[in-house]
Amino acid sequence: MKILVTGGAGYIGSITVERLIQAGDSVVVFDNLYQGHRDAVHPDAVLIEGDLADKAAIEAVIREHKPDGVMHFASYTLVGESVEKPFLYLRDNLVNGSNLIESAVKHGVQGFILSSTANLFDDPERMPIAEDERIVPGSPYGESKFLLERVLHWMDRLYGMRYCCLRYFNACGATEERGEHHDPETHLIPLVLEVALGQREKITIFGDDYKTPDGTCVRDYIHVVDLAEAHILAMRTLLAGGHSRKYNLGNGRGFSVKEVIDTARAVTGHPIPAVVGPRRAGDPDILIASSETINHDLGWTPQYPGLRQIIEMAWEWHQKHPHGYEK
């Protein structure tokens, strides 16, 4: 396959690029390096620095490189920020994504994968969350992904461009070469590992009175390599003539905040001080996605479902790269 990966210098995107290249595929990365890192891009990929807000730039890339498929990771992704700056998400995520989709349709791209979100399901009626759960986006971020899912629906219906929307919660873990480096960092596992590295004094637990076994929120943590493989498998299916689809991706079980901290203590040998702070607004007790449908349709199942293995792989990368991709 020849694949255009937007956001291919970011966390999930760069590891998907790595796995594509390891599988013998050809990759073009389009990234503005806002949250991505040049050093995260596999050396065998073509890196084009550009912004999806520039219609001419993405048009030129697709016209020149003629990809078989597009994987779209490039996005503003912070739920909290989306509440504070809604138009950064409701306008920019939608317009930038639409620029990409329009160009893909114009040039006959055969398959399109959208990195969507399980934040589409703010208040699910059933757990684990299945694809037919009612969609009630939990933030402007979730809304922006839902709007792009609807754009793709119409592009398939009107022009026959097949697509797959993959919805998931917390990507985590690392490969030997690539890991998680955000600024600011907001994800629990890298924050906990920053404490173990001596870069942070403690970790704050936002509430310990939830309706869960240990009182802390339970979340679905899924290894980034498993996510990458789901994107690749979905793309191969589309390019082989598969129909458009939407899948929720889950680990199979959830882990509480305290479980993450305790496992990190065991892996790192560091005490990792933790303090309990007030709840954050809008945090549900439990969020777990079901991956039964993609398992049934495509045979995808997580290869790294264990929390200890996820944290061990992340810890190995963070020890080698204590400041991420910064020199």
C-alpha atoms as a PDB file:
ATOM      1  CA  MET A   1       0.000   0.000   0.000  1.00  0.00           C
ATOM      2  CA  LYS A   2       0.958   3.635  -0.425  1.00  0.00           C
ATOM      3  CA  ILE A   3      -0.519   5.524   2.506  1.00  0.00           C
ATOM      4  CA  LEU A   4      -0.703   9.218   3.369  1.00  0.00           C
ATOM      5  CA  VAL A   5      -0.626   9.635   7.156  1.00  0.00           C
ATOM      6  CA  THR A   6      -1.642  13.033   8.505  1.00  0.00           C
ATOM      7  CA  GLY A   7      -0.285  13.588  12.001  1.00  0.00           C
ATOM      8  CA  GLY A   8       2.345  10.945  11.279  1.00  0.00           C
ATOM      9  CA  ALA A   9       4.855  12.760  13.508  1.00  0.00           C
ATOM     10  CA  GLY A  10       2.561  12.425  16.520  1.00  0.00           C
ATOM     11  CA  TYR A  11       2.275   9.624  19.052  1.00  0.00           C
ATOM     12  CA  ILE A  12      -0.183   7.182  17.471  1.00  0.00           C
ATOM     13  CA  GLY A  13       0.559   8.351  13.939  1.00  0.00           C
ATOM     14  CA  SER A  14       4.320   7.831  14.145  1.00  0.00           C
ATOM     15  CA  ILE A  15       3.956   4.314  15.522  1.00  0.00           C
ATOM     16  CA  THR A  16       1.427   3.475  12.819  1.00  0.00           C
ATOM     17  CA  VAL A  17       3.947   4.727  10.253  1.00  0.00           C
ATOM     18  CA  GLU A  18       6.601   2.525  11.863  1.00  0.00           C
ATOM     19  CA  ARG A  19       4.365  -0.543  11.607  1.00  0.00           C
ATOM     20  CA  LEU A  20       3.390   0.245   8.008  1.00  0.00           C
ATOM     21  CA  ILE A  21       7.012   0.494   6.945  1.00  0.00           C
ATOM     22  CA  GLN A  22       7.921  -2.682   8.812  1.00  0.00           C
ATOM     23  CA  ALA A  23       5.182  -4.380   6.785  1.00  0.00           C
ATOM     24  CA  GLY A  24       6.699  -3.145   3.510  1.00  0.00           C
ATOM     25  CA  ASP A  25       4.246  -0.346   2.775  1.00  0.00           C
ATOM     26  CA  SER A  26       5.133   3.086   1.382  1.00  0.00           C
ATOM     27  CA  VAL A  27       4.300   6.082   3.598  1.00  0.00           C
ATOM     28  CA  VAL A  28       4.035   9.835   3.139  1.00  0.00           C
ATOM     29  CA  VAL A  29       3.652  11.835   6.366  1.00  0.00           C
ATOM     30  CA  PHE A  30       1.942  15.240   6.362  1.00  0.00           C
ATOM     31  CA  ASP A  31       2.332  17.078   9.681  1.00  0.00           C
ATOM     32  CA  ASN A  32       2.626  20.685  10.864  1.00  0.00           C
ATOM     33  CA  LEU A  33       4.730  19.537  13.869  1.00  0.00           C
ATOM     34  CA  TYR A  34       2.449  21.402  16.275  1.00  0.00           C
ATOM     35  CA  GLN A  35       2.362  18.392  18.595  1.00  0.00           C
ATOM     36  CA  GLY A  36       4.409  16.074  16.420  1.00  0.00           C
ATOM     37  CA  HIS A  37       8.162  15.604  16.350  1.00  0.00           C
ATOM     38  CA  ARG A  38      10.395  15.379  13.330  1.00  0.00           C
ATOM     39  CA  ASP A  39      12.537  12.755  15.079  1.00  0.00           C
ATOM     40  CA  ALA A  40       9.464  10.558  15.616  1.00  0.00           C
ATOM     41  CA  VAL A  41       9.019  10.041  11.871  1.00  0.00           C
ATOM     42  CA  HIS A  42      10.482   6.799  10.549  1.00  0.00           C
ATOM     43  CA  PRO A  43      13.483   7.600   8.311  1.00  0.00           C
ATOM     44  CA  ASP A  44      12.016   5.567   5.444  1.00  0.00           C
ATOM     45  CA  ALA A  45       8.870   7.700   5.339  1.00  0.00           C
ATOM     46  CA  VAL A  46       8.585  10.870   3.272  1.00  0.00           C
ATOM     47  CA  LEU A  47       7.923  13.801   5.641  1.00  0.00           C
ATOM     48  CA  ILE A  48       6.157  16.854   4.269  1.00  0.00           C
ATOM     49  CA  GLU A  49       5.724  19.697   6.721  1.00  0.00           C
ATOM     50  CA  GLY A  50       2.432  21.430   6.113  1.00  0.00           C
ATOM     51  CA  ASP A  51      -0.922  22.367   7.577  1.00  0.00           C
ATOM     52  CA  LEU A  52      -4.328  20.982   6.644  1.00  0.00           C
ATOM     53  CA  ALA A  53      -5.712  24.512   6.870  1.00  0.00           C
ATOM     54  CA  ASP A  54      -3.791  25.130   3.636  1.00  0.00           C
ATOM     55  CA  LYS A  55      -6.002  23.487   1.001  1.00  0.00           C
ATOM     56  CA  ALA A  56      -3.421  24.013  -1.727  1.00  0.00           C
ATOM     57  CA  ALA A  57      -0.730  22.252   0.295  1.00  0.00           C
ATOM     58  CA  ILE A  58      -2.684  19.072   0.947  1.00  0.00           C
ATOM     59  CA  GLU A  59      -4.011  19.134  -2.611  1.00  0.00           C
ATOM     60  CA  ALA A  60      -0.447  19.209  -3.935  1.00  0.00           C
ATOM     61  CA  VAL A  61       0.635  16.308  -1.728  1.00  0.00           C
ATOM     62  CA  ILE A  62      -2.217  14.034  -2.794  1.00  0.00           C
ATOM     63  CA  ARG A  63      -1.854  15.020  -6.453  1.00  0.00           C
ATOM     64  CA  GLU A  64       1.900  14.334  -6.450  1.00  0.00           C
ATOM     65  CA  HIS A  65       2.065  11.170  -4.327  1.00  0.00           C
ATOM     66  CA  LYS A  66      -1.235   9.537  -5.353  1.00  0.00           C
ATOM     67  CA  PRO A  67      -1.810   7.493  -2.161  1.00  0.00           C
ATOM     68  CA  ASP A  68      -4.047   4.441  -2.194  1.00  0.00           C
ATOM     69  CA  GLY A  69      -5.385   5.415   1.194  1.00  0.00           C
ATOM     70  CA  VAL A  70      -5.326   8.133   3.855  1.00  0.00           C
ATOM     71  CA  MET A  71      -5.004   7.707   7.617  1.00  0.00           C
ATOM     72  CA  HIS A  72      -6.086  10.885   9.363  1.00  0.00           C
ATOM     73  CA  PHE A  73      -4.598  11.388  12.840  1.00  0.00           C
ATOM     74  CA  ALA A  74      -3.871  15.150  12.668  1.00  0.00           C
ATOM     75  CA  SER A  75      -6.196  16.900  15.101  1.00  0.00           C
ATOM     76  CA  TYR A  76      -6.522  18.985  18.205  1.00  0.00           C
ATOM     77  CA  THR A  77      -7.223  16.293  20.802  1.00  0.00           C
ATOM     78  CA  LEU A  78      -7.543  17.760  24.316  1.00  0.00           C
ATOM     79  CA  VAL A  79     -11.017  17.400  25.797  1.00  0.00           C
ATOM     80  CA  GLY A  80     -10.450  20.103  28.412  1.00  0.00           C
ATOM     81  CA  GLU A  81      -9.036  22.557  25.881  1.00  0.00           C
ATOM     82  CA  SER A  82     -12.006  21.927  23.599  1.00  0.00           C
ATOM     83  CA  VAL A  83     -14.343  23.164  26.335  1.00  0.00           C
ATOM     84  CA  GLU A  84     -12.232  26.305  26.812  1.00  0.00           C
ATOM     85  CA  LYS A  85     -11.635  26.914  23.078  1.00  0.00           C
ATOM     86  CA  PRO A  86     -14.579  25.265  21.303  1.00  0.00           C
ATOM     87  CA  PHE A  87     -13.980  26.807  17.885  1.00  0.00           C
ATOM     88  CA  LEU A  88     -10.447  25.434  17.749  1.00  0.00           C
ATOM     89  CA  TYR A  89     -12.228  22.096  17.589  1.00  0.00           C
ATOM     90  CA  LEU A  90     -15.675  22.732  16.082  1.00  0.00           C
ATOM     91  CA  ARG A  91     -14.152  24.917  13.359  1.00  0.00           C
ATOM     92  CA  ASP A  92     -10.508  23.938  12.876  1.00  0.00           C
ATOM     93  CA  ASN A  93     -10.796  20.166  13.324  1.00  0.00           C
ATOM     94  CA  LEU A  94     -13.822  20.100  11.034  1.00  0.00           C
ATOM     95  CA  VAL A  95     -12.503  22.459   8.353  1.00  0.00           C
ATOM     96  CA  ASN A  96      -9.005  20.946   8.270  1.00  0.00           C
ATOM     97  CA  GLY A  97     -10.396  17.428   8.126  1.00  0.00           C
ATOM     98  CA  SER A  98     -12.850  18.449   5.413  1.00  0.00           C
ATOM     99  CA  ASN A  99     -10.038  19.949   3.342  1.00  0.00           C
ATOM    100  CA  LEU A 100      -8.289  16.587   3.473  1.00  0.00           C
ATOM    101  CA  ILE A 101     -11.415  14.568   2.702  1.00  0.00           C
ATOM    102  CA  GLU A 102     -12.354  16.818  -0.214  1.00  0.00           C
ATOM    103  CA  SER A 103      -8.935  16.417  -1.793  1.00  0.00           C
ATOM    104  CA  ALA A 104      -8.980  12.656  -1.197  1.00  0.00           C
ATOM    105  CA  VAL A 105     -12.329  12.361  -2.980  1.00  0.00           C
ATOM    106  CA  LYS A 106     -11.189  14.592  -5.834  1.00  0.00           C
ATOM    107  CA  HIS A 107      -8.152  12.422  -6.528  1.00  0.00           C
ATOM    108  CA  GLY A 108      -9.894   9.073  -6.199  1.00  0.00           C
ATOM    109  CA  VAL A 109      -8.368   7.858  -2.930  1.00  0.00           C
ATOM    110  CA  GLN A 110      -9.800   4.394  -2.342  1.00  0.00           C
ATOM    111  CA  GLY A 111      -9.767   4.180   1.456  1.00  0.00           C
ATOM    112  CA  PHE A 112      -9.889   6.652   4.342  1.00  0.00           C
ATOM    113  CA  ILE A 113      -9.289   5.855   8.017  1.00  0.00           C
ATOM    114  CA  LEU A 114     -10.401   8.406  10.605  1.00  0.00           C
ATOM    115  CA  SER A 115      -8.803   8.276  14.030  1.00  0.00           C
ATOM    116  CA  SER A 116     -12.014   9.007  15.899  1.00  0.00           C
ATOM    117  CA  THR A 117     -12.780   8.849  19.621  1.00  0.00           C
ATOM    118  CA  ALA A 118     -14.861   7.030  22.198  1.00  0.00           C
ATOM    119  CA  ASN A 119     -15.629  10.519  23.543  1.00  0.00           C
ATOM    120  CA  LEU A 120     -18.622  10.228  21.189  1.00  0.00           C
ATOM    121  CA  PHE A 121     -20.278   8.362  24.065  1.00  0.00           C
ATOM    122  CA  ASP A 122     -20.374  10.741  27.005  1.00  0.00           C
ATOM    123  CA  ASP A 123     -23.082   8.964  28.980  1.00  0.00           C
ATOM    124  CA  PRO A 124     -23.329   5.375  27.720  1.00  0.00           C
ATOM    125  CA  GLU A 125     -26.297   3.257  28.711  1.00  0.00           C
ATOM    126  CA  ARG A 126     -24.290   0.007  28.457  1.00  0.00           C
ATOM    127  CA  MET A 127     -20.761  -0.995  29.334  1.00  0.00           C
ATOM    128  CA  PRO A 128     -18.590  -2.009  27.504  1.00  0.00           C
ATOM    129  CA  ILE A 129     -19.595   0.510  24.842  1.00  0.00           C
ATOM    130  CA  ALA A 130     -20.719  -1.000  21.523  1.00  0.00           C
ATOM    131  CA  GLU A 131     -21.012   0.734  18.143  1.00  0.00           C
ATOM    132  CA  ASP A 132     -24.806   0.997  18.376  1.00  0.00           C
ATOM    133  CA  GLU A 133     -24.645   2.983  21.614  1.00  0.00           C
ATOM    134  CA  ARG A 134     -26.404   6.332  21.230  1.00  0.00           C
ATOM    135  CA  ILE A 135     -24.001   9.092  20.260  1.00  0.00           C
ATOM    136  CA  VAL A 136     -23.862  11.964  22.741  1.00  0.00           C
ATOM    137  CA  PRO A 137     -20.438  13.623  22.336  1.00  0.00           C
ATOM    138  CA  GLY A 138     -18.860  14.510  25.654  1.00  0.00           C
ATOM    139  CA  SER A 139     -17.091  17.676  24.471  1.00  0.00           C
ATOM    140  CA  PRO A 140     -16.513  19.892  21.439  1.00  0.00           C
ATOM    141  CA  TYR A 141     -13.585  17.563  20.703  1.00  0.00           C
ATOM    142  CA  GLY A 142     -15.923  14.559  20.534  1.00  0.00           C
ATOM    143  CA  GLU A 143     -18.404  16.588  18.501  1.00  0.00           C
ATOM    144  CA  SER A 144     -15.723  17.515  15.958  1.00  0.00           C
ATOM    145  CA  LYS A 145     -14.920  13.836  15.384  1.00  0.00           C
ATOM    146  CA  PHE A 146     -18.608  12.987  15.016  1.00  0.00           C
ATOM    147  CA  LEU A 147     -19.013  15.738  12.414  1.00  0.00           C
ATOM    148  CA  LEU A 148     -16.111  14.297  10.421  1.00  0.00           C
ATOM    149  CA  GLU A 149     -17.698  10.845  10.645  1.00  0.00           C
ATOM    150  CA  ARG A 150     -20.813  12.374   9.069  1.00  0.00           C
ATOM    151  CA  VAL A 151     -18.774  14.026   6.302  1.00  0.00           C
ATOM    152  CA  LEU A 152     -17.264  10.631   5.495  1.00  0.00           C
ATOM    153  CA  HIS A 153     -20.720   9.047   5.452  1.00  0.00           C
ATOM    154  CA  TRP A 154     -21.763  11.457   2.722  1.00  0.00           C
ATOM    155  CA  MET A 155     -18.548  11.041   0.742  1.00  0.00           C
ATOM    156  CA  ASP A 156     -19.181   7.304   0.579  1.00  0.00           C
ATOM    157  CA  ARG A 157     -22.825   7.783  -0.303  1.00  0.00           C
ATOM    158  CA  LEU A 158     -22.182  10.427  -2.971  1.00  0.00           C
ATOM    159  CA  TYR A 159     -18.790   9.430  -4.364  1.00  0.00           C
ATOM    160  CA  GLY A 160     -18.106   5.887  -3.184  1.00  0.00           C
ATOM    161  CA  MET A 161     -15.020   6.651  -1.093  1.00  0.00           C
ATOM    162  CA  ARG A 162     -14.898   3.862   1.479  1.00  0.00           C
ATOM    163  CA  TYR A 163     -13.930   4.766   5.030  1.00  0.00           C
ATOM    164  CA  CYS A 164     -13.477   3.349   8.507  1.00  0.00           C
ATOM    165  CA  CYS A 165     -13.887   5.306  11.755  1.00  0.00           C
ATOM    166  CA  LEU A 166     -11.968   3.855  14.698  1.00  0.00           C
ATOM    167  CA  ARG A 167     -13.102   5.002  18.146  1.00  0.00           C
ATOM    168  CA  TYR A 168     -11.009   4.433  21.245  1.00  0.00           C
ATOM    169  CA  PHE A 169     -10.065   5.899  24.593  1.00  0.00           C
ATOM    170  CA  ASN A 170      -6.562   5.930  26.067  1.00  0.00           C
ATOM    171  CA  ALA A 171      -3.634   5.038  23.827  1.00  0.00           C
ATOM    172  CA  CYS A 172      -0.579   4.019  25.844  1.00  0.00           C
ATOM    173  CA  GLY A 173       2.660   2.049  25.717  1.00  0.00           C
ATOM    174  CA  ALA A 174       5.558   2.400  23.297  1.00  0.00           C
ATOM    175  CA  THR A 175       7.811   0.614  20.847  1.00  0.00           C
ATOM    176  CA  GLU A 176      11.593   0.480  21.199  1.00  0.00           C
ATOM    177  CA  GLU A 177      12.020   3.585  19.057  1.00  0.00           C
ATOM    178  CA  ARG A 178       8.874   5.637  19.618  1.00  0.00           C
ATOM    179  CA  GLY A 179       6.756   6.684  22.574  1.00  0.00           C
ATOM    180  CA  GLU A 180       4.528   9.332  24.079  1.00  0.00           C
ATOM    181  CA  HIS A 181       5.720  12.938  24.218  1.00  0.00           C
ATOM    182  CA  HIS A 182       3.106  15.673  24.543  1.00  0.00           C
ATOM    183  CA  ASP A 183       3.429  19.280  25.679  1.00  0.00           C
ATOM    184  CA  PRO A 184       1.593  19.658  27.933  1.00  0.00           C
ATOM    185  CA  GLU A 185       1.336  16.032  28.985  1.00  0.00           C
ATOM    186  CA  THR A 186      -2.165  15.124  30.148  1.00  0.00           C
ATOM    187  CA  HIS A 187      -2.221  11.307  30.022  1.00  0.00           C
ATOM    188  CA  LEU A 188      -1.994   9.290  33.209  1.00  0.00           C
ATOM    189  CA  ILE A 189       0.698   6.724  32.385  1.00  0.00           C
ATOM    190  CA  PRO A 190       3.370   9.169  31.143  1.00  0.00           C
ATOM    191  CA  LEU A 191       2.548  11.510  34.041  1.00  0.00           C
ATOM    192  CA  VAL A 192       3.085   8.680  36.516  1.00  0.00           C
ATOM    193  CA  LEU A 193       6.353   7.752  34.822  1.00  0.00           C
ATOM    194  CA  GLU A 194       7.507  11.375  35.044  1.00  0.00           C
ATOM    195  CA  VAL A 195       7.238  11.001  38.836  1.00  0.00           C
ATOM    196  CA  ALA A 196       9.383   7.861  38.665  1.00  0.00           C
ATOM    197  CA  LEU A 197      11.935   9.783  36.564  1.00  0.00           C
ATOM    198  CA  GLY A 198      12.116  12.540  39.198  1.00  0.00           C
ATOM    199  CA  GLN A 199      10.558  15.111  36.852  1.00  0.00           C
ATOM    200  CA  ARG A 200       7.400  15.490  38.907  1.00  0.00           C
ATOM    201  CA  GLU A 201       6.971  15.335  42.693  1.00  0.00           C
ATOM    202  CA  LYS A 202       3.692  13.421  42.822  1.00  0.00           C
ATOM    203  CA  ILE A 203       0.663  12.306  40.894  1.00  0.00           C
ATOM    204  CA  THR A 204      -2.790  13.650  41.685  1.00  0.00           C
ATOM    205  CA  ILE A 205      -5.780  11.311  41.755  1.00  0.00           C
ATOM    206  CA  PHE A 206      -8.888  13.263  40.819  1.00  0.00           C
ATOM    207  CA  GLY A 207     -11.378  11.781  43.272  1.00  0.00           C
ATOM    208  CA  ASP A 208     -11.448   8.450  45.105  1.00  0.00           C
ATOM    209  CA  ASP A 209     -15.166   8.139  45.814  1.00  0.00           C
ATOM    210  CA  TYR A 210     -16.385   6.754  42.487  1.00  0.00           C
ATOM    211  CA  LYS A 211     -18.597   3.664  42.238  1.00  0.00           C
ATOM    212  CA  THR A 212     -15.680   1.370  41.409  1.00  0.00           C
ATOM    213  CA  PRO A 213     -13.897  -1.352  43.434  1.00  0.00           C
ATOM    214  CA  ASP A 214     -11.185   1.007  44.725  1.00  0.00           C
ATOM    215  CA  GLY A 215     -13.028   4.311  44.390  1.00  0.00           C
ATOM    216  CA  THR A 216     -10.988   5.654  41.460  1.00  0.00           C
ATOM    217  CA  CYS A 217     -12.107   5.974  37.855  1.00  0.00           C
ATOM    218  CA  VAL A 218     -11.788   2.909  35.635  1.00  0.00           C
ATOM    219  CA  ARG A 219     -10.642   3.483  32.073  1.00  0.00           C
ATOM    220  CA  ASP A 220      -9.819   1.518  28.939  1.00  0.00           C
ATOM    221  CA  TYR A 221      -6.063   1.584  28.240  1.00  0.00           C
ATOM    222  CA  ILE A 222      -5.069   0.169  24.870  1.00  0.00           C
ATOM    223  CA  HIS A 223      -1.535  -0.353  23.597  1.00  0.00           C
ATOM    224  CA  VAL A 224      -0.564   2.004  20.801  1.00  0.00           C
ATOM    225  CA  VAL A 225       0.797  -0.886  18.713  1.00  0.00           C
ATOM    226  CA  ASP A 226      -2.590  -2.603  18.909  1.00  0.00           C
ATOM    227  CA  LEU A 227      -4.204   0.633  17.729  1.00  0.00           C
ATOM    228  CA  ALA A 228      -1.712   0.925  14.884  1.00  0.00           C
ATOM    229  CA  GLU A 229      -2.430  -2.632  13.777  1.00  0.00           C
ATOM    230  CA  ALA A 230      -6.181  -1.951  13.831  1.00  0.00           C
ATOM    231  CA  HIS A 231      -5.702   1.028  11.511  1.00  0.00           C
ATOM    232  CA  ILE A 232      -3.557  -1.020   9.137  1.00  0.00           C
ATOM    233  CA  LEU A 233      -5.920  -3.989   9.130  1.00  0.00           C
ATOM    234  CA  ALA A 234      -8.901  -1.719   8.473  1.00  0.00           C
ATOM    235  CA  MET A 235      -7.075  -0.038   5.583  1.00  0.00           C
ATOM    236  CA  ARG A 236      -6.120  -3.334   3.970  1.00  0.00           C
ATOM    237  CA  THR A 237      -9.751  -4.407   4.230  1.00  0.00           C
ATOM    238  CA  LEU A 238     -10.997  -1.218   2.581  1.00  0.00           C
ATOM    239  CA  LEU A 239      -8.459  -1.422  -0.247  1.00  0.00           C
ATOM    240  CA  ALA A 240      -9.456  -5.033  -0.840  1.00  0.00           C
ATOM    241  CA  GLY A 241     -13.018  -3.859  -1.501  1.00  0.00           C
ATOM    242  CA  GLY A 242     -14.470  -3.918   1.998  1.00  0.00           C
ATOM    243  CA  HIS A 243     -17.408  -1.670   2.792  1.00  0.00           C
ATOM    244  CA  SER A 244     -17.324   1.412   5.011  1.00  0.00           C
ATOM    245  CA  ARG A 245     -17.560   0.717   8.719  1.00  0.00           C
ATOM    246  CA  LYS A 246     -17.227   2.114  12.221  1.00  0.00           C
ATOM    247  CA  TYR A 247     -15.526   0.235  15.021  1.00  0.00           C
ATOM    248  CA  ASN A 248     -15.010   0.761  18.728  1.00  0.00           C
ATOM    249  CA  LEU A 249     -11.620  -0.435  19.954  1.00  0.00           C
ATOM    250  CA  GLY A 250     -11.218  -1.680  23.505  1.00  0.00           C
ATOM    251  CA  ASN A 251      -8.664  -3.498  25.597  1.00  0.00           C
ATOM    252  CA  GLY A 252     -11.182  -6.006  26.872  1.00  0.00           C
ATOM    253  CA  ARG A 253     -11.155  -4.687  30.440  1.00  0.00           C
ATOM    254  CA  GLY A 254     -10.603  -1.466  32.320  1.00  0.00           C
ATOM    255  CA  PHE A 255      -7.995  -0.432  34.864  1.00  0.00           C
ATOM    256  CA  SER A 256      -8.468   2.016  37.722  1.00  0.00           C
ATOM    257  CA  VAL A 257      -6.239   4.992  38.397  1.00  0.00           C
ATOM    258  CA  LYS A 258      -4.914   3.266  41.528  1.00  0.00           C
ATOM    259  CA  GLU A 259      -4.175   0.098  39.537  1.00  0.00           C
ATOM    260  CA  VAL A 260      -2.127   2.135  37.058  1.00  0.00           C
ATOM    261  CA  ILE A 261      -0.155   3.809  39.851  1.00  0.00           C
ATOM    262  CA  ASP A 262       0.429   0.553  41.760  1.00  0.00           C
ATOM    263  CA  THR A 263       1.576  -1.228  38.596  1.00  0.00           C
ATOM    264  CA  ALA A 264       3.928   1.623  37.757  1.00  0.00           C
ATOM    265  CA  ARG A 265       5.390   1.403  41.265  1.00  0.00           C
ATOM    266  CA  ALA A 266       6.059  -2.308  40.756  1.00  0.00           C
ATOM    267  CA  VAL A 267       7.577  -1.799  37.293  1.00  0.00           C
ATOM    268  CA  THR A 268       9.792   1.197  38.130  1.00  0.00           C
ATOM    269  CA  GLY A 269      10.699   0.391  41.745  1.00  0.00           C
ATOM    270  CA  HIS A 270       9.812   3.998  42.608  1.00  0.00           C
ATOM    271  CA  PRO A 271       7.347   4.855  45.420  1.00  0.00           C
ATOM    272  CA  ILE A 272       5.470   7.349  43.151  1.00  0.00           C
ATOM    273  CA  PRO A 273       3.771   9.527  45.788  1.00  0.00           C
ATOM    274  CA  ALA A 274       0.083  10.098  45.084  1.00  0.00           C
ATOM    275  CA  VAL A 275      -2.371  12.577  46.568  1.00  0.00           C
ATOM    276  CA  VAL A 276      -6.140  12.697  46.220  1.00  0.00           C
ATOM    277  CA  GLY A 277      -7.574  15.879  44.769  1.00  0.00           C
ATOM    278  CA  PRO A 278     -11.134  16.947  43.951  1.00  0.00           C
ATOM    279  CA  ARG A 279     -13.075  15.275  41.195  1.00  0.00           C
ATOM    280  CA  ARG A 280     -12.877  16.701  37.700  1.00  0.00           C
ATOM    281  CA  ALA A 281     -16.181  17.774  36.191  1.00  0.00           C
ATOM    282  CA  GLY A 282     -17.676  15.253  33.834  1.00  0.00           C
ATOM    283  CA  ASP A 283     -15.581  12.199  34.761  1.00  0.00           C
ATOM    284  CA  PRO A 284     -17.770   9.054  34.613  1.00  0.00           C
ATOM    285  CA  ASP A 285     -17.069   6.154  36.960  1.00  0.00           C
ATOM    286  CA  ILE A 286     -16.214   3.630  34.236  1.00  0.00           C
ATOM    287  CA  LEU A 287     -15.493   3.877  30.511  1.00  0.00           C
ATOM    288  CA  ILE A 288     -14.629   0.745  28.545  1.00  0.00           C
ATOM    289  CA  ALA A 289     -15.089   0.189  24.817  1.00  0.00           C
ATOM    290  CA  SER A 290     -16.116  -3.129  23.300  1.00  0.00           C
ATOM    291  CA  SER A 291     -14.081  -4.505  20.392  1.00  0.00           C
ATOM    292  CA  GLU A 292     -16.357  -7.474  19.691  1.00  0.00           C
ATOM    293  CA  THR A 293     -17.437  -6.194  16.273  1.00  0.00           C
ATOM    294  CA  ILE A 294     -13.967  -5.615  14.843  1.00  0.00           C
ATOM    295  CA  ASN A 295     -12.872  -8.939  16.307  1.00  0.00           C
ATOM    296  CA  HIS A 296     -15.773 -10.660  14.554  1.00  0.00           C
ATOM    297  CA  ASP A 297     -15.381  -8.810  11.226  1.00  0.00           C
ATOM    298  CA  LEU A 298     -11.616  -8.477  10.877  1.00  0.00           C
ATOM    299  CA  GLY A 299     -10.144 -10.788  13.489  1.00  0.00           C
ATOM    300  CA  TRP A 300      -8.496  -7.936  15.388  1.00  0.00           C
ATOM    301  CA  THR A 301      -7.738  -8.489  19.048  1.00  0.00           C
ATOM    302  CA  PRO A 302      -5.267  -6.689  21.352  1.00  0.00           C
ATOM    303  CA  GLN A 303      -1.874  -8.393  21.519  1.00  0.00           C
ATOM    304  CA  TYR A 304      -0.763  -6.352  24.562  1.00  0.00           C
ATOM    305  CA  PRO A 305      -3.799  -6.299  26.876  1.00  0.00           C
ATOM    306  CA  GLY A 306      -1.883  -6.535  30.157  1.00  0.00           C
ATOM    307  CA  LEU A 307      -1.360  -3.338  32.135  1.00  0.00           C
ATOM    308  CA  ARG A 308       2.070  -4.419  33.390  1.00  0.00           C
ATOM    309  CA  GLN A 309       3.372  -5.065  29.873  1.00  0.00           C
ATOM    310  CA  ILE A 310       1.983  -1.753  28.649  1.00  0.00           C
ATOM    311  CA  ILE A 311       3.740   0.138  31.450  1.00  0.00           C
ATOM    312  CA  GLU A 312       6.970  -1.873  31.090  1.00  0.00           C
ATOM    313  CA  MET A 313       7.221  -0.945  27.412  1.00  0.00           C
ATOM    314  CA  ALA A 314       6.415   2.701  28.127  1.00  0.00           C
ATOM    315  CA  TRP A 315       8.932   2.790  30.991  1.00  0.00           C
ATOM    316  CA  GLU A 316      11.679   1.355  28.812  1.00  0.00           C
ATOM    317  CA  TRP A 317      11.125   4.090  26.233  1.00  0.00           C
ATOM    318  CA  HIS A 318      10.883   6.907  28.803  1.00  0.00           C
ATOM    319  CA  GLN A 319      14.121   5.791  30.468  1.00  0.00           C
ATOM    320  CA  LYS A 320      15.911   5.970  27.117  1.00  0.00           C
ATOM    321  CA  HIS A 321      14.191   9.251  26.236  1.00  0.00           C
ATOM    322  CA  PRO A 322      13.662  11.084  29.567  1.00  0.00           C
ATOM    323  CA  HIS A 323      12.946  14.308  27.705  1.00  0.00           C
ATOM    324  CA  GLY A 324      11.027  12.717  24.879  1.00  0.00           C
ATOM    325  CA  TYR A 325      12.226  13.689  21.443  1.00  0.00           C
ATOM    326  CA  GLU A 326      14.077  16.752  22.703  1.00  0.00           C
ATOM    327  CA  LYS A 327      17.823  16.523  22.200  1.00  0.00           C
END
